C-alpha cells in the first residue's frame, strides 16, 4: 500500500510503499527521529499501538502516517503584546492551529482581519505552511511558537 509519511521537524512529506503486515513499530523505527517515535494515523488524536500491524491499525492505501517525537505539542501564538497557548496532537494541521488562534478561543479576529493574517514562525520571516502539520515545527521540547501577523508584511 502507498502511504504519505510526515516526519517531525520538516513540512516535507514522503510517499512510501508499505506492506500491510508492517508493524507500527517498524514504521516508527524506519521514519522516526532519534529515540522512541510515536505514530499517528491520519488525523487521529492518539498514537497507534506499536504492536499492531498497519492493517490492524486500520491503515489503508493513501493514508497519512505521522511519525512524531511528541504525544502533544504546545503551540504558542503571539499577537501584538499578547500570547496564547494550547496543546494539540502533533498531527494537527497548521490550518487548525491558525483557526484556533484567530477564532473565538484565540484572539477573536473578525472575518476580515482573519483573512488578512497568517502564522509566521517566531523569530523568522518564514510563514507556516497551511498544508503542513504541527509536528513539522515542533522543538525537541514539544513546543512550537508562531506570530500572528498581517499578510501584507510578507506579500511585498
N, C-alpha and C. Protein backbone atom coordinates (compact mmCIF):
# COMPACT_ATOMS: atom_id res chain seq x y z
N UNK A 1 0.84 -1.18 0.00
CA UNK A 1 0.00 0.00 0.00
C UNK A 1 0.88 1.24 0.00
N UNK A 2 0.36 2.29 -0.57
CA UNK A 2 1.09 3.56 -0.63
C UNK A 2 0.63 4.45 0.52
N UNK A 3 1.59 5.04 1.25
CA UNK A 3 1.28 5.93 2.36
C UNK A 3 2.08 7.21 2.26
N UNK A 4 1.53 8.26 2.84
CA UNK A 4 2.20 9.55 2.91
C UNK A 4 2.79 9.68 4.32
N UNK A 5 4.10 9.85 4.40
CA UNK A 5 4.79 9.90 5.69
C UNK A 5 5.14 11.35 6.02
N UNK A 6 4.70 11.78 7.19
CA UNK A 6 5.02 13.10 7.72
C UNK A 6 5.98 12.88 8.88
N UNK A 7 7.09 13.60 8.89
CA UNK A 7 8.10 13.43 9.93
C UNK A 7 8.25 14.70 10.77
N UNK A 8 8.61 14.51 12.00
CA UNK A 8 8.88 15.62 12.90
C UNK A 8 10.03 16.46 12.33
N UNK A 9 9.87 17.78 12.44
CA UNK A 9 10.96 18.67 12.07
C UNK A 9 11.00 19.10 10.61
N UNK A 10 10.09 18.61 9.78
CA UNK A 10 10.08 19.03 8.38
C UNK A 10 8.65 19.05 7.83
N UNK A 11 8.32 20.09 7.05
CA UNK A 11 6.99 20.12 6.45
C UNK A 11 6.88 19.23 5.20
N UNK A 12 8.02 18.73 4.73
CA UNK A 12 8.02 17.86 3.55
C UNK A 12 7.44 16.50 3.90
N UNK A 13 6.81 15.86 2.93
CA UNK A 13 6.33 14.50 3.18
C UNK A 13 6.92 13.56 2.14
N UNK A 14 6.94 12.29 2.48
CA UNK A 14 7.45 11.25 1.59
C UNK A 14 6.30 10.33 1.22
N UNK A 15 6.38 9.78 0.04
CA UNK A 15 5.43 8.77 -0.39
C UNK A 15 6.19 7.44 -0.33
N UNK A 16 5.69 6.51 0.47
CA UNK A 16 6.38 5.25 0.74
C UNK A 16 5.41 4.09 0.50
N UNK A 17 5.94 3.00 -0.02
CA UNK A 17 5.17 1.76 -0.15
C UNK A 17 5.41 0.91 1.09
N UNK A 18 4.33 0.45 1.70
CA UNK A 18 4.40 -0.44 2.87
C UNK A 18 3.57 -1.69 2.60
N UNK A 19 3.98 -2.77 3.20
CA UNK A 19 3.16 -3.98 3.22
C UNK A 19 2.20 -3.82 4.40
N UNK A 20 0.97 -4.28 4.27
CA UNK A 20 0.02 -4.09 5.37
C UNK A 20 0.37 -4.92 6.60
N UNK A 21 1.34 -5.84 6.48
CA UNK A 21 1.80 -6.62 7.63
C UNK A 21 2.94 -5.92 8.37
N UNK A 22 3.39 -4.77 7.88
CA UNK A 22 4.43 -3.99 8.55
C UNK A 22 3.88 -3.50 9.88
N UNK A 23 4.69 -3.59 10.92
CA UNK A 23 4.22 -3.14 12.23
C UNK A 23 4.39 -1.63 12.39
N UNK A 24 3.59 -1.08 13.27
CA UNK A 24 3.71 0.34 13.62
C UNK A 24 5.11 0.60 14.16
N UNK A 25 5.64 -0.32 14.94
CA UNK A 25 7.00 -0.19 15.49
C UNK A 25 8.03 -0.07 14.36
N UNK A 26 7.88 -0.89 13.32
CA UNK A 26 8.81 -0.84 12.18
C UNK A 26 8.73 0.49 11.45
N UNK A 27 7.52 1.00 11.28
CA UNK A 27 7.34 2.30 10.63
C UNK A 27 8.02 3.39 11.47
N UNK A 28 7.81 3.34 12.78
CA UNK A 28 8.43 4.32 13.67
C UNK A 28 9.95 4.26 13.59
N UNK A 29 10.50 3.05 13.58
CA UNK A 29 11.96 2.89 13.51
C UNK A 29 12.50 3.37 12.16
N UNK A 30 11.78 3.07 11.11
CA UNK A 30 12.23 3.44 9.76
C UNK A 30 12.18 4.94 9.52
N UNK A 31 11.18 5.60 10.06
CA UNK A 31 10.96 7.01 9.74
C UNK A 31 11.10 7.95 10.92
N UNK A 32 11.37 7.43 12.10
CA UNK A 32 11.39 8.25 13.30
C UNK A 32 12.68 9.01 13.50
N UNK A 33 12.60 9.94 14.41
CA UNK A 33 13.78 10.68 14.83
C UNK A 33 14.54 9.81 15.82
N UNK A 34 15.58 10.36 16.40
CA UNK A 34 16.33 9.63 17.42
C UNK A 34 15.40 9.25 18.58
N UNK A 35 15.59 8.07 19.10
CA UNK A 35 14.78 7.63 20.24
C UNK A 35 13.45 7.05 19.82
N UNK A 36 12.57 6.92 20.76
CA UNK A 36 11.25 6.32 20.54
C UNK A 36 10.33 7.30 19.82
N UNK A 37 9.80 6.89 18.70
CA UNK A 37 8.89 7.73 17.93
C UNK A 37 7.46 7.23 18.12
N UNK A 38 6.53 8.16 18.03
CA UNK A 38 5.11 7.84 18.09
C UNK A 38 4.55 7.92 16.68
N UNK A 39 3.52 7.13 16.41
CA UNK A 39 2.91 7.12 15.09
C UNK A 39 1.42 7.46 15.24
N UNK A 40 1.00 8.46 14.48
CA UNK A 40 -0.39 8.88 14.44
C UNK A 40 -0.90 8.60 13.03
N UNK A 41 -2.10 8.09 12.93
CA UNK A 41 -2.68 7.75 11.64
C UNK A 41 -3.70 8.83 11.26
N UNK A 42 -3.53 9.37 10.05
CA UNK A 42 -4.40 10.43 9.54
C UNK A 42 -4.55 11.54 10.57
N UNK A 43 -5.77 11.85 11.01
CA UNK A 43 -5.96 12.93 11.98
C UNK A 43 -6.37 12.38 13.35
N UNK A 44 -5.97 11.14 13.64
CA UNK A 44 -6.28 10.53 14.93
C UNK A 44 -5.68 11.30 16.10
N UNK A 45 -6.41 11.36 17.19
CA UNK A 45 -5.99 12.11 18.38
C UNK A 45 -4.91 11.39 19.20
N UNK A 46 -4.87 10.07 19.11
CA UNK A 46 -3.93 9.29 19.92
C UNK A 46 -2.98 8.50 19.02
N UNK A 47 -1.80 8.20 19.56
CA UNK A 47 -0.82 7.44 18.78
C UNK A 47 -1.29 5.99 18.65
N UNK A 48 -0.87 5.37 17.55
CA UNK A 48 -1.24 3.98 17.28
C UNK A 48 -0.45 3.04 18.19
N UNK A 49 -1.01 1.88 18.44
CA UNK A 49 -0.36 0.83 19.24
C UNK A 49 0.82 0.28 18.44
N UNK A 50 2.02 0.38 18.99
CA UNK A 50 3.23 -0.03 18.27
C UNK A 50 3.28 -1.52 17.97
N UNK A 51 2.48 -2.32 18.68
CA UNK A 51 2.46 -3.76 18.46
C UNK A 51 1.58 -4.17 17.28
N UNK A 52 0.73 -3.28 16.83
CA UNK A 52 -0.18 -3.60 15.73
C UNK A 52 0.53 -3.51 14.38
N UNK A 53 -0.03 -4.23 13.41
CA UNK A 53 0.40 -4.06 12.03
C UNK A 53 -0.36 -2.88 11.46
N UNK A 54 0.07 -2.41 10.30
CA UNK A 54 -0.65 -1.31 9.66
C UNK A 54 -2.10 -1.71 9.39
N UNK A 55 -2.31 -2.95 8.95
CA UNK A 55 -3.68 -3.42 8.68
C UNK A 55 -4.51 -3.42 9.96
N UNK A 56 -3.94 -3.91 11.07
CA UNK A 56 -4.66 -3.94 12.35
C UNK A 56 -4.99 -2.54 12.85
N UNK A 57 -4.13 -1.58 12.53
CA UNK A 57 -4.34 -0.20 12.96
C UNK A 57 -5.32 0.53 12.03
N UNK A 58 -5.77 -0.16 10.99
CA UNK A 58 -6.74 0.44 10.08
C UNK A 58 -6.14 1.31 9.00
N UNK A 59 -4.83 1.18 8.77
CA UNK A 59 -4.17 1.98 7.75
C UNK A 59 -4.47 1.40 6.37
N UNK A 60 -4.88 2.26 5.47
CA UNK A 60 -5.17 1.83 4.11
C UNK A 60 -4.31 2.55 3.10
N UNK A 61 -4.55 2.26 1.86
CA UNK A 61 -3.83 2.90 0.77
C UNK A 61 -4.10 4.40 0.79
N UNK A 62 -3.06 5.19 0.60
CA UNK A 62 -3.11 6.65 0.55
C UNK A 62 -3.40 7.31 1.90
N UNK A 63 -3.31 6.56 2.99
CA UNK A 63 -3.46 7.17 4.31
C UNK A 63 -2.18 7.92 4.69
N UNK A 64 -2.35 8.86 5.60
CA UNK A 64 -1.23 9.66 6.09
C UNK A 64 -0.75 9.09 7.42
N UNK A 65 0.56 8.88 7.52
CA UNK A 65 1.19 8.36 8.73
C UNK A 65 2.12 9.45 9.26
N UNK A 66 1.88 9.86 10.49
CA UNK A 66 2.66 10.92 11.11
C UNK A 66 3.59 10.30 12.15
N UNK A 67 4.89 10.45 11.93
CA UNK A 67 5.90 9.93 12.86
C UNK A 67 6.40 11.12 13.67
N UNK A 68 6.14 11.09 14.97
CA UNK A 68 6.38 12.24 15.82
C UNK A 68 7.18 11.87 17.06
N UNK A 69 7.79 12.87 17.66
CA UNK A 69 8.53 12.69 18.92
C UNK A 69 7.63 12.95 20.12
N UNK A 70 6.57 13.72 19.90
CA UNK A 70 5.75 14.22 21.00
C UNK A 70 4.33 13.67 20.94
N UNK A 71 3.80 13.35 22.11
CA UNK A 71 2.40 12.95 22.19
C UNK A 71 1.49 14.17 22.01
N UNK A 72 1.90 15.31 22.51
CA UNK A 72 1.21 16.58 22.35
C UNK A 72 2.27 17.66 22.13
N UNK A 73 1.89 18.67 21.34
CA UNK A 73 2.76 19.82 21.10
C UNK A 73 2.05 21.05 21.62
N UNK A 74 2.74 21.84 22.43
CA UNK A 74 2.18 23.09 22.91
C UNK A 74 2.47 24.17 21.88
N UNK A 75 1.42 24.63 21.22
CA UNK A 75 1.54 25.70 20.23
C UNK A 75 1.28 27.02 20.94
N UNK A 76 2.23 27.93 20.85
CA UNK A 76 2.07 29.28 21.39
C UNK A 76 1.98 30.24 20.23
N UNK A 77 0.97 31.09 20.26
CA UNK A 77 0.79 32.09 19.20
C UNK A 77 0.83 33.47 19.85
N UNK A 78 1.67 34.33 19.30
CA UNK A 78 1.82 35.71 19.77
C UNK A 78 1.09 36.63 18.81
N UNK A 79 0.33 37.56 19.39
CA UNK A 79 -0.39 38.56 18.59
C UNK A 79 -0.32 39.88 19.33
N UNK A 80 0.31 40.84 18.69
CA UNK A 80 0.57 42.14 19.31
C UNK A 80 1.35 41.90 20.61
N UNK A 81 0.82 42.32 21.76
CA UNK A 81 1.54 42.12 23.02
C UNK A 81 1.03 40.94 23.82
N UNK A 82 0.20 40.10 23.22
CA UNK A 82 -0.43 39.00 23.94
C UNK A 82 0.02 37.65 23.37
N UNK A 83 -0.06 36.62 24.17
CA UNK A 83 0.26 35.25 23.75
C UNK A 83 -0.80 34.30 24.27
N UNK A 84 -1.06 33.27 23.49
CA UNK A 84 -1.98 32.21 23.90
C UNK A 84 -1.32 30.88 23.55
N UNK A 85 -1.56 29.87 24.39
CA UNK A 85 -1.00 28.54 24.15
C UNK A 85 -2.10 27.49 24.25
N UNK A 86 -1.91 26.43 23.48
CA UNK A 86 -2.83 25.29 23.52
C UNK A 86 -2.06 24.05 23.08
N UNK A 87 -2.42 22.92 23.69
CA UNK A 87 -1.82 21.64 23.30
C UNK A 87 -2.63 21.01 22.18
N UNK A 88 -1.91 20.49 21.17
CA UNK A 88 -2.50 19.80 20.04
C UNK A 88 -1.79 18.48 19.85
N UNK A 89 -2.44 17.51 19.22
CA UNK A 89 -1.68 16.33 18.78
C UNK A 89 -0.69 16.78 17.70
N UNK A 90 0.42 16.11 17.56
CA UNK A 90 1.43 16.55 16.60
C UNK A 90 0.96 16.51 15.16
N UNK A 91 -0.05 15.73 14.87
CA UNK A 91 -0.56 15.61 13.51
C UNK A 91 -1.65 16.63 13.19
N UNK A 92 -1.85 17.60 14.09
CA UNK A 92 -2.83 18.66 13.82
C UNK A 92 -2.38 19.48 12.62
N UNK A 93 -3.29 19.73 11.71
CA UNK A 93 -2.99 20.56 10.54
C UNK A 93 -2.74 21.99 10.99
N UNK A 94 -1.80 22.66 10.33
CA UNK A 94 -1.50 24.04 10.69
C UNK A 94 -2.71 24.95 10.48
N UNK A 95 -3.57 24.61 9.57
CA UNK A 95 -4.78 25.41 9.39
C UNK A 95 -5.66 25.34 10.64
N UNK A 96 -5.64 24.20 11.35
CA UNK A 96 -6.39 24.08 12.60
C UNK A 96 -5.77 24.96 13.69
N UNK A 97 -4.46 25.05 13.72
CA UNK A 97 -3.78 25.93 14.68
C UNK A 97 -4.15 27.38 14.38
N UNK A 98 -4.12 27.75 13.10
CA UNK A 98 -4.50 29.11 12.72
C UNK A 98 -5.95 29.40 13.09
N UNK A 99 -6.86 28.47 12.78
CA UNK A 99 -8.28 28.67 13.09
C UNK A 99 -8.49 28.87 14.59
N UNK A 100 -7.77 28.10 15.41
CA UNK A 100 -7.86 28.29 16.86
C UNK A 100 -7.35 29.67 17.24
N UNK A 101 -6.16 30.03 16.75
CA UNK A 101 -5.53 31.29 17.15
C UNK A 101 -6.36 32.50 16.73
N UNK A 102 -6.94 32.45 15.55
CA UNK A 102 -7.70 33.59 15.04
C UNK A 102 -9.16 33.55 15.48
N UNK A 103 -9.60 32.41 15.98
CA UNK A 103 -11.00 32.21 16.30
C UNK A 103 -11.42 32.65 17.69
N UNK A 104 -12.63 32.23 18.09
CA UNK A 104 -13.23 32.68 19.35
C UNK A 104 -12.48 32.23 20.60
N UNK A 105 -11.71 31.15 20.54
CA UNK A 105 -10.94 30.71 21.71
C UNK A 105 -9.51 31.25 21.69
N UNK A 106 -9.20 31.98 20.64
CA UNK A 106 -7.88 32.59 20.50
C UNK A 106 -8.00 34.10 20.62
N UNK A 107 -7.62 34.79 19.54
CA UNK A 107 -7.58 36.25 19.57
C UNK A 107 -8.83 36.92 19.01
N UNK A 108 -9.83 36.14 18.64
CA UNK A 108 -11.15 36.64 18.24
C UNK A 108 -11.08 37.66 17.10
N UNK A 109 -10.34 37.32 16.04
CA UNK A 109 -10.25 38.21 14.89
C UNK A 109 -11.57 38.21 14.13
N UNK A 110 -11.93 39.35 13.59
CA UNK A 110 -13.12 39.44 12.73
C UNK A 110 -12.84 38.65 11.46
N UNK A 111 -13.86 38.25 10.72
CA UNK A 111 -13.63 37.53 9.46
C UNK A 111 -12.70 38.28 8.51
N UNK A 112 -12.83 39.60 8.45
CA UNK A 112 -11.96 40.40 7.58
C UNK A 112 -10.52 40.35 8.07
N UNK A 113 -10.31 40.57 9.37
CA UNK A 113 -8.95 40.52 9.93
C UNK A 113 -8.35 39.13 9.79
N UNK A 114 -9.17 38.11 10.02
CA UNK A 114 -8.70 36.73 9.89
C UNK A 114 -8.16 36.46 8.49
N UNK A 115 -8.86 36.94 7.48
CA UNK A 115 -8.45 36.73 6.09
C UNK A 115 -7.16 37.48 5.76
N UNK A 116 -6.82 38.48 6.56
CA UNK A 116 -5.64 39.30 6.30
C UNK A 116 -4.44 38.92 7.16
N UNK A 117 -4.55 37.83 7.93
CA UNK A 117 -3.45 37.42 8.81
C UNK A 117 -2.97 36.01 8.49
N UNK A 118 -1.79 35.70 9.00
CA UNK A 118 -1.18 34.39 8.79
C UNK A 118 -0.25 34.09 9.96
N UNK A 119 0.16 32.82 10.07
CA UNK A 119 1.11 32.42 11.10
C UNK A 119 2.52 32.41 10.51
N UNK A 120 3.45 32.98 11.27
CA UNK A 120 4.87 33.00 10.92
C UNK A 120 5.62 32.39 12.08
N UNK A 121 6.65 31.61 11.79
CA UNK A 121 7.47 31.01 12.84
C UNK A 121 8.16 32.13 13.60
N UNK A 122 7.99 32.16 14.91
CA UNK A 122 8.55 33.22 15.74
C UNK A 122 10.06 33.33 15.54
N UNK A 123 10.52 34.57 15.42
CA UNK A 123 11.95 34.83 15.27
C UNK A 123 12.43 34.71 13.83
N UNK A 124 11.51 34.46 12.89
CA UNK A 124 11.87 34.33 11.48
C UNK A 124 10.89 35.14 10.64
N UNK A 125 11.10 35.11 9.37
CA UNK A 125 10.13 35.66 8.43
C UNK A 125 9.56 34.54 7.58
N UNK A 126 9.56 33.33 8.13
CA UNK A 126 9.09 32.14 7.42
C UNK A 126 7.65 31.85 7.80
N UNK A 127 6.79 31.86 6.80
CA UNK A 127 5.38 31.55 7.03
C UNK A 127 5.22 30.07 7.30
N UNK A 128 4.34 29.75 8.24
CA UNK A 128 3.99 28.34 8.48
C UNK A 128 3.15 27.86 7.30
N UNK A 129 3.49 26.72 6.77
CA UNK A 129 2.77 26.15 5.63
C UNK A 129 1.42 25.63 6.11
N UNK A 130 0.33 26.19 5.58
CA UNK A 130 -1.01 25.78 6.00
C UNK A 130 -1.30 24.32 5.70
N UNK A 131 -0.59 23.74 4.74
CA UNK A 131 -0.78 22.34 4.39
C UNK A 131 0.07 21.40 5.23
N UNK A 132 0.96 21.96 6.04
CA UNK A 132 1.83 21.14 6.90
C UNK A 132 1.09 20.80 8.20
N UNK A 133 1.77 20.05 9.04
CA UNK A 133 1.23 19.66 10.34
C UNK A 133 2.14 20.17 11.44
N UNK A 134 1.59 20.30 12.63
CA UNK A 134 2.30 20.92 13.74
C UNK A 134 3.63 20.24 14.04
N UNK A 135 3.72 18.90 13.87
CA UNK A 135 4.96 18.20 14.16
C UNK A 135 6.13 18.73 13.33
N UNK A 136 5.84 19.34 12.19
CA UNK A 136 6.89 19.88 11.34
C UNK A 136 7.63 21.03 12.01
N UNK A 137 6.99 21.69 12.95
CA UNK A 137 7.55 22.87 13.59
C UNK A 137 7.87 22.66 15.08
N UNK A 138 7.69 21.45 15.56
CA UNK A 138 7.87 21.17 17.00
C UNK A 138 9.35 21.08 17.36
N UNK A 139 9.69 21.68 18.48
CA UNK A 139 11.05 21.59 19.02
C UNK A 139 11.22 20.26 19.75
N UNK A 140 12.43 20.00 20.19
CA UNK A 140 12.69 18.80 20.99
C UNK A 140 11.92 18.83 22.31
N UNK A 141 11.52 20.02 22.74
CA UNK A 141 10.76 20.17 23.98
C UNK A 141 9.26 20.09 23.74
N UNK A 142 8.86 19.71 22.52
CA UNK A 142 7.43 19.57 22.17
C UNK A 142 6.67 20.89 22.24
N UNK A 143 7.33 21.94 21.78
CA UNK A 143 6.69 23.24 21.69
C UNK A 143 6.91 23.80 20.28
N UNK A 144 6.03 24.70 19.90
CA UNK A 144 6.16 25.43 18.64
C UNK A 144 5.61 26.82 18.88
N UNK A 145 6.29 27.82 18.35
CA UNK A 145 5.87 29.20 18.60
C UNK A 145 5.72 29.95 17.28
N UNK A 146 4.61 30.67 17.18
CA UNK A 146 4.28 31.39 15.96
C UNK A 146 3.82 32.81 16.30
N UNK A 147 3.94 33.69 15.32
CA UNK A 147 3.39 35.03 15.43
C UNK A 147 2.23 35.14 14.45
N UNK A 148 1.16 35.74 14.88
CA UNK A 148 0.00 36.01 14.02
C UNK A 148 0.20 37.41 13.48
N UNK A 149 0.48 37.51 12.18
CA UNK A 149 0.88 38.78 11.58
C UNK A 149 0.06 39.08 10.33
N UNK A 150 0.01 40.35 9.95
CA UNK A 150 -0.69 40.72 8.71
C UNK A 150 0.05 40.13 7.50
N UNK A 151 -0.71 39.62 6.54
CA UNK A 151 -0.11 39.04 5.33
C UNK A 151 0.64 40.08 4.52
N UNK A 152 0.18 41.31 4.50
CA UNK A 152 0.81 42.33 3.65
C UNK A 152 2.26 42.57 4.01
N UNK A 153 2.69 42.22 5.23
CA UNK A 153 4.10 42.35 5.61
C UNK A 153 4.98 41.42 4.79
N UNK A 154 4.37 40.32 4.27
CA UNK A 154 5.15 39.31 3.58
C UNK A 154 4.82 39.21 2.09
N UNK A 155 3.85 39.99 1.62
CA UNK A 155 3.45 39.90 0.23
C UNK A 155 4.01 41.04 -0.60
N UNK A 156 4.94 41.82 -0.04
CA UNK A 156 5.66 42.84 -0.77
C UNK A 156 4.85 43.95 -1.22
